[in-house]
N, C-alpha and C. Protein backbone atom coordinates (compact mmCIF):
# COMPACT_ATOMS: atom_id res chain seq x y z
N MET A 1 32.67 3.35 33.09
CA MET A 1 32.43 2.03 32.58
C MET A 1 33.63 1.64 31.71
N SER A 2 34.10 0.43 31.91
CA SER A 2 35.28 -0.02 31.19
C SER A 2 34.93 -0.34 29.73
N THR A 3 35.96 -0.42 28.92
CA THR A 3 35.78 -0.74 27.51
C THR A 3 35.18 -2.13 27.34
N ARG A 4 35.62 -3.06 28.18
CA ARG A 4 35.11 -4.42 28.09
C ARG A 4 33.61 -4.47 28.43
N THR A 5 33.19 -3.73 29.41
CA THR A 5 31.78 -3.68 29.81
C THR A 5 30.95 -3.07 28.70
N ARG A 6 31.45 -2.01 28.10
CA ARG A 6 30.73 -1.38 26.99
C ARG A 6 30.59 -2.34 25.81
N LEU A 7 31.65 -3.06 25.49
CA LEU A 7 31.62 -4.02 24.39
C LEU A 7 30.62 -5.14 24.68
N LEU A 8 30.63 -5.63 25.91
CA LEU A 8 29.70 -6.67 26.30
C LEU A 8 28.26 -6.18 26.22
N PHE A 9 28.01 -4.97 26.67
CA PHE A 9 26.67 -4.39 26.61
C PHE A 9 26.22 -4.21 25.16
N ALA A 10 27.10 -3.69 24.30
CA ALA A 10 26.78 -3.49 22.89
C ALA A 10 26.46 -4.81 22.22
N THR A 11 27.23 -5.85 22.51
CA THR A 11 26.99 -7.18 21.94
C THR A 11 25.65 -7.72 22.39
N PHE A 12 25.35 -7.57 23.67
CA PHE A 12 24.06 -8.01 24.21
C PHE A 12 22.91 -7.27 23.53
N LEU A 13 23.05 -5.98 23.35
CA LEU A 13 22.01 -5.17 22.74
C LEU A 13 21.76 -5.58 21.29
N VAL A 14 22.82 -5.78 20.54
CA VAL A 14 22.69 -6.20 19.14
C VAL A 14 22.03 -7.58 19.05
N CYS A 15 22.44 -8.50 19.88
CA CYS A 15 21.85 -9.84 19.88
C CYS A 15 20.37 -9.79 20.26
N SER A 16 20.03 -9.01 21.24
CA SER A 16 18.63 -8.89 21.68
C SER A 16 17.75 -8.33 20.58
N VAL A 17 18.21 -7.28 19.94
CA VAL A 17 17.43 -6.67 18.85
C VAL A 17 17.30 -7.65 17.69
N SER A 18 18.36 -8.34 17.33
CA SER A 18 18.32 -9.31 16.23
C SER A 18 17.34 -10.44 16.52
N LEU A 19 17.36 -10.96 17.72
CA LEU A 19 16.44 -12.03 18.08
C LEU A 19 14.99 -11.54 18.11
N THR A 20 14.78 -10.33 18.54
CA THR A 20 13.44 -9.76 18.57
C THR A 20 12.89 -9.61 17.17
N ILE A 21 13.70 -9.07 16.28
CA ILE A 21 13.27 -8.88 14.89
C ILE A 21 13.01 -10.23 14.22
N ALA A 22 13.89 -11.18 14.42
CA ALA A 22 13.73 -12.50 13.80
C ALA A 22 12.49 -13.22 14.33
N GLY A 23 12.11 -12.95 15.56
CA GLY A 23 10.97 -13.62 16.15
C GLY A 23 9.63 -12.98 15.84
N CYS A 24 9.63 -11.79 15.24
CA CYS A 24 8.38 -11.11 14.92
C CYS A 24 7.70 -11.81 13.75
N LYS A 25 6.46 -12.22 13.96
CA LYS A 25 5.71 -12.88 12.90
C LYS A 25 4.72 -11.93 12.24
N LYS A 26 4.34 -10.87 12.92
CA LYS A 26 3.36 -9.94 12.37
C LYS A 26 4.06 -8.71 11.83
N ASN A 27 3.51 -8.19 10.74
CA ASN A 27 3.99 -6.94 10.17
C ASN A 27 3.53 -5.82 11.10
N PRO A 28 4.42 -4.96 11.57
CA PRO A 28 4.01 -3.90 12.50
C PRO A 28 3.03 -2.91 11.87
N PHE A 29 2.93 -2.89 10.54
CA PHE A 29 2.02 -1.99 9.86
C PHE A 29 0.75 -2.70 9.43
N GLY A 30 0.55 -3.93 9.89
CA GLY A 30 -0.66 -4.68 9.56
C GLY A 30 -0.44 -5.60 8.37
N GLU A 31 -1.43 -6.45 8.15
CA GLU A 31 -1.37 -7.39 7.04
C GLU A 31 -1.68 -6.65 5.75
N ARG A 32 -0.83 -6.85 4.73
CA ARG A 32 -1.00 -6.17 3.46
C ARG A 32 -0.81 -7.14 2.31
N SER A 33 -1.57 -6.92 1.25
CA SER A 33 -1.35 -7.66 0.02
C SER A 33 -1.78 -6.79 -1.15
N THR A 34 -1.17 -7.02 -2.30
CA THR A 34 -1.53 -6.28 -3.50
C THR A 34 -1.61 -7.26 -4.67
N GLU A 35 -2.47 -6.92 -5.62
CA GLU A 35 -2.59 -7.72 -6.83
C GLU A 35 -3.12 -6.83 -7.94
N VAL A 36 -2.58 -7.01 -9.13
CA VAL A 36 -3.05 -6.25 -10.28
C VAL A 36 -4.29 -6.95 -10.83
N VAL A 37 -5.36 -6.16 -11.04
CA VAL A 37 -6.63 -6.70 -11.53
C VAL A 37 -7.07 -5.92 -12.76
N SER A 38 -8.03 -6.47 -13.49
CA SER A 38 -8.58 -5.77 -14.64
C SER A 38 -9.84 -5.02 -14.21
N VAL A 39 -10.28 -4.12 -15.07
CA VAL A 39 -11.48 -3.34 -14.75
C VAL A 39 -12.70 -4.26 -14.62
N ALA A 40 -12.68 -5.40 -15.28
CA ALA A 40 -13.79 -6.36 -15.18
C ALA A 40 -13.85 -7.04 -13.82
N GLN A 41 -12.76 -6.98 -13.06
CA GLN A 41 -12.70 -7.65 -11.76
C GLN A 41 -13.05 -6.75 -10.58
N VAL A 42 -13.30 -5.47 -10.82
CA VAL A 42 -13.61 -4.56 -9.71
C VAL A 42 -15.12 -4.50 -9.51
N PRO A 43 -15.57 -4.18 -8.29
CA PRO A 43 -17.01 -4.04 -8.04
C PRO A 43 -17.62 -2.93 -8.91
N ALA A 44 -18.93 -3.03 -9.15
CA ALA A 44 -19.63 -2.07 -10.01
C ALA A 44 -19.46 -0.63 -9.53
N ALA A 45 -19.52 -0.41 -8.22
CA ALA A 45 -19.38 0.95 -7.68
C ALA A 45 -17.99 1.51 -7.97
N VAL A 46 -16.97 0.66 -7.89
CA VAL A 46 -15.59 1.08 -8.18
C VAL A 46 -15.45 1.40 -9.66
N LYS A 47 -16.02 0.55 -10.52
CA LYS A 47 -15.96 0.76 -11.96
C LYS A 47 -16.62 2.08 -12.33
N ALA A 48 -17.76 2.39 -11.72
CA ALA A 48 -18.45 3.64 -11.99
C ALA A 48 -17.59 4.84 -11.63
N THR A 49 -16.90 4.78 -10.50
CA THR A 49 -16.02 5.87 -10.08
C THR A 49 -14.82 5.98 -11.00
N ILE A 50 -14.27 4.85 -11.42
CA ILE A 50 -13.14 4.87 -12.36
C ILE A 50 -13.56 5.55 -13.66
N ASP A 51 -14.72 5.16 -14.20
CA ASP A 51 -15.20 5.76 -15.45
C ASP A 51 -15.42 7.26 -15.29
N GLN A 52 -15.98 7.66 -14.16
CA GLN A 52 -16.24 9.08 -13.91
C GLN A 52 -14.92 9.85 -13.78
N GLN A 53 -13.95 9.30 -13.06
CA GLN A 53 -12.66 9.97 -12.86
C GLN A 53 -11.82 9.97 -14.14
N ALA A 54 -11.97 8.95 -14.97
CA ALA A 54 -11.18 8.84 -16.20
C ALA A 54 -11.55 9.96 -17.17
N GLY A 55 -12.82 10.29 -17.25
CA GLY A 55 -13.24 11.37 -18.14
C GLY A 55 -12.78 11.16 -19.57
N GLY A 56 -12.82 9.94 -20.05
CA GLY A 56 -12.42 9.65 -21.43
C GLY A 56 -10.94 9.28 -21.58
N ARG A 57 -10.15 9.45 -20.52
CA ARG A 57 -8.74 9.06 -20.59
C ARG A 57 -8.62 7.54 -20.49
N ALA A 58 -7.48 7.03 -20.91
CA ALA A 58 -7.22 5.60 -20.84
C ALA A 58 -7.12 5.15 -19.38
N ILE A 59 -7.60 3.95 -19.11
CA ILE A 59 -7.48 3.36 -17.78
C ILE A 59 -6.25 2.46 -17.79
N GLY A 60 -5.29 2.78 -16.96
CA GLY A 60 -4.05 2.00 -16.89
C GLY A 60 -4.16 0.89 -15.88
N GLU A 61 -3.09 0.69 -15.13
CA GLU A 61 -3.04 -0.39 -14.14
C GLU A 61 -3.99 -0.15 -12.97
N ILE A 62 -4.65 -1.21 -12.55
CA ILE A 62 -5.50 -1.18 -11.37
C ILE A 62 -4.90 -2.15 -10.37
N GLU A 63 -4.51 -1.63 -9.21
CA GLU A 63 -3.90 -2.46 -8.18
C GLU A 63 -4.88 -2.59 -7.02
N LYS A 64 -5.29 -3.82 -6.74
CA LYS A 64 -6.17 -4.10 -5.60
C LYS A 64 -5.28 -4.25 -4.37
N GLN A 65 -5.52 -3.42 -3.37
CA GLN A 65 -4.72 -3.43 -2.15
C GLN A 65 -5.61 -3.85 -0.98
N THR A 66 -5.14 -4.83 -0.21
CA THR A 66 -5.86 -5.25 0.98
C THR A 66 -4.98 -4.93 2.17
N ILE A 67 -5.49 -4.09 3.06
CA ILE A 67 -4.73 -3.65 4.23
C ILE A 67 -5.59 -3.90 5.46
N ASN A 68 -5.14 -4.83 6.31
CA ASN A 68 -5.90 -5.19 7.51
C ASN A 68 -7.36 -5.51 7.20
N GLY A 69 -7.58 -6.22 6.10
CA GLY A 69 -8.92 -6.64 5.73
C GLY A 69 -9.72 -5.61 4.95
N HIS A 70 -9.21 -4.41 4.80
CA HIS A 70 -9.90 -3.35 4.05
C HIS A 70 -9.34 -3.32 2.63
N VAL A 71 -10.25 -3.30 1.65
CA VAL A 71 -9.85 -3.32 0.24
C VAL A 71 -9.99 -1.93 -0.36
N ARG A 72 -8.98 -1.57 -1.16
CA ARG A 72 -9.05 -0.33 -1.94
C ARG A 72 -8.35 -0.58 -3.27
N TYR A 73 -8.61 0.28 -4.23
CA TYR A 73 -8.06 0.12 -5.57
C TYR A 73 -7.27 1.37 -5.95
N GLU A 74 -6.01 1.18 -6.32
CA GLU A 74 -5.18 2.29 -6.80
C GLU A 74 -5.18 2.21 -8.32
N VAL A 75 -5.69 3.26 -8.96
CA VAL A 75 -5.93 3.24 -10.39
C VAL A 75 -5.10 4.33 -11.07
N THR A 76 -4.39 3.94 -12.13
CA THR A 76 -3.64 4.89 -12.94
C THR A 76 -4.50 5.26 -14.14
N LEU A 77 -4.68 6.56 -14.34
CA LEU A 77 -5.51 7.06 -15.44
C LEU A 77 -4.67 7.92 -16.37
N GLY A 78 -4.96 7.86 -17.66
CA GLY A 78 -4.27 8.69 -18.64
C GLY A 78 -2.87 8.20 -18.91
N SER A 79 -2.12 9.03 -19.63
CA SER A 79 -0.73 8.70 -19.95
C SER A 79 0.06 9.99 -20.15
N GLY A 80 1.36 9.87 -20.13
CA GLY A 80 2.23 11.02 -20.34
C GLY A 80 2.02 12.10 -19.30
N SER A 81 1.92 13.35 -19.76
CA SER A 81 1.75 14.48 -18.83
C SER A 81 0.33 14.52 -18.24
N ASP A 82 -0.59 13.75 -18.83
CA ASP A 82 -1.98 13.72 -18.36
C ASP A 82 -2.23 12.53 -17.43
N LYS A 83 -1.16 11.91 -16.94
CA LYS A 83 -1.27 10.72 -16.10
C LYS A 83 -1.56 11.10 -14.65
N SER A 84 -2.50 10.38 -14.03
CA SER A 84 -2.80 10.62 -12.62
C SER A 84 -3.16 9.30 -11.95
N THR A 85 -3.17 9.32 -10.63
CA THR A 85 -3.49 8.14 -9.85
C THR A 85 -4.59 8.50 -8.85
N VAL A 86 -5.59 7.63 -8.75
CA VAL A 86 -6.64 7.81 -7.75
C VAL A 86 -6.76 6.53 -6.93
N VAL A 87 -7.16 6.68 -5.69
CA VAL A 87 -7.39 5.54 -4.81
C VAL A 87 -8.86 5.53 -4.47
N ILE A 88 -9.48 4.36 -4.71
CA ILE A 88 -10.92 4.23 -4.54
C ILE A 88 -11.21 3.09 -3.57
N GLY A 89 -12.06 3.34 -2.59
CA GLY A 89 -12.47 2.31 -1.64
C GLY A 89 -13.36 1.29 -2.33
N ASP A 90 -13.54 0.14 -1.72
CA ASP A 90 -14.37 -0.90 -2.35
C ASP A 90 -15.85 -0.53 -2.40
N ASP A 91 -16.22 0.59 -1.76
CA ASP A 91 -17.59 1.09 -1.83
C ASP A 91 -17.77 2.08 -2.98
N GLY A 92 -16.69 2.35 -3.72
CA GLY A 92 -16.76 3.26 -4.86
C GLY A 92 -16.43 4.71 -4.52
N LYS A 93 -16.18 5.01 -3.26
CA LYS A 93 -15.84 6.38 -2.88
C LYS A 93 -14.35 6.62 -3.05
N GLN A 94 -14.02 7.78 -3.62
CA GLN A 94 -12.61 8.12 -3.81
C GLN A 94 -11.97 8.41 -2.47
N VAL A 95 -10.85 7.74 -2.21
CA VAL A 95 -10.14 7.88 -0.95
C VAL A 95 -9.06 8.96 -1.07
N ALA A 96 -8.34 8.97 -2.20
CA ALA A 96 -7.25 9.91 -2.40
C ALA A 96 -6.95 10.01 -3.88
N ASP A 97 -6.15 11.05 -4.22
CA ASP A 97 -5.62 11.16 -5.58
C ASP A 97 -4.17 11.57 -5.47
N ASP A 98 -3.49 11.73 -6.60
CA ASP A 98 -2.06 12.01 -6.55
C ASP A 98 -1.72 13.42 -6.06
N ASP A 99 -2.72 14.25 -5.79
CA ASP A 99 -2.47 15.54 -5.18
C ASP A 99 -2.38 15.44 -3.66
N ASP A 100 -2.91 14.34 -3.09
CA ASP A 100 -2.88 14.12 -1.64
C ASP A 100 -1.52 13.61 -1.22
N ASP A 101 -1.08 14.01 -0.03
CA ASP A 101 0.20 13.52 0.50
C ASP A 101 -0.04 12.44 1.50
C-alpha cells in the first residue's frame, strides 16, 4: 500500500470516528445525574441506614446519584482517619462501602 493510500485511509478513519462521536446523543454508560442533598431530604429507610452505619460518627456529604432511573445515596461518615463512605439504595439497603472495589 502506498504512502498516499495510507494517509487517505488514516484521514478517513479519523473523520469517521470524529463524526460518530460528535453525533452520539446518549451516554454509553447510561443516563446519570448527581446532586448533594441533606439528611432531611433522603427517604426514611435511607436515613435509618445512615444512622445505623454512622454509629455516632458525624454524617458528612450525602450525594444522591441517579443512574438509568435507579437512585442511590453515597454517604460520607466520620472524619479524619475514621472517615468512610457507604452507598445505600433508595430502599435503605446498603449497596457498597469503601472496602468494596
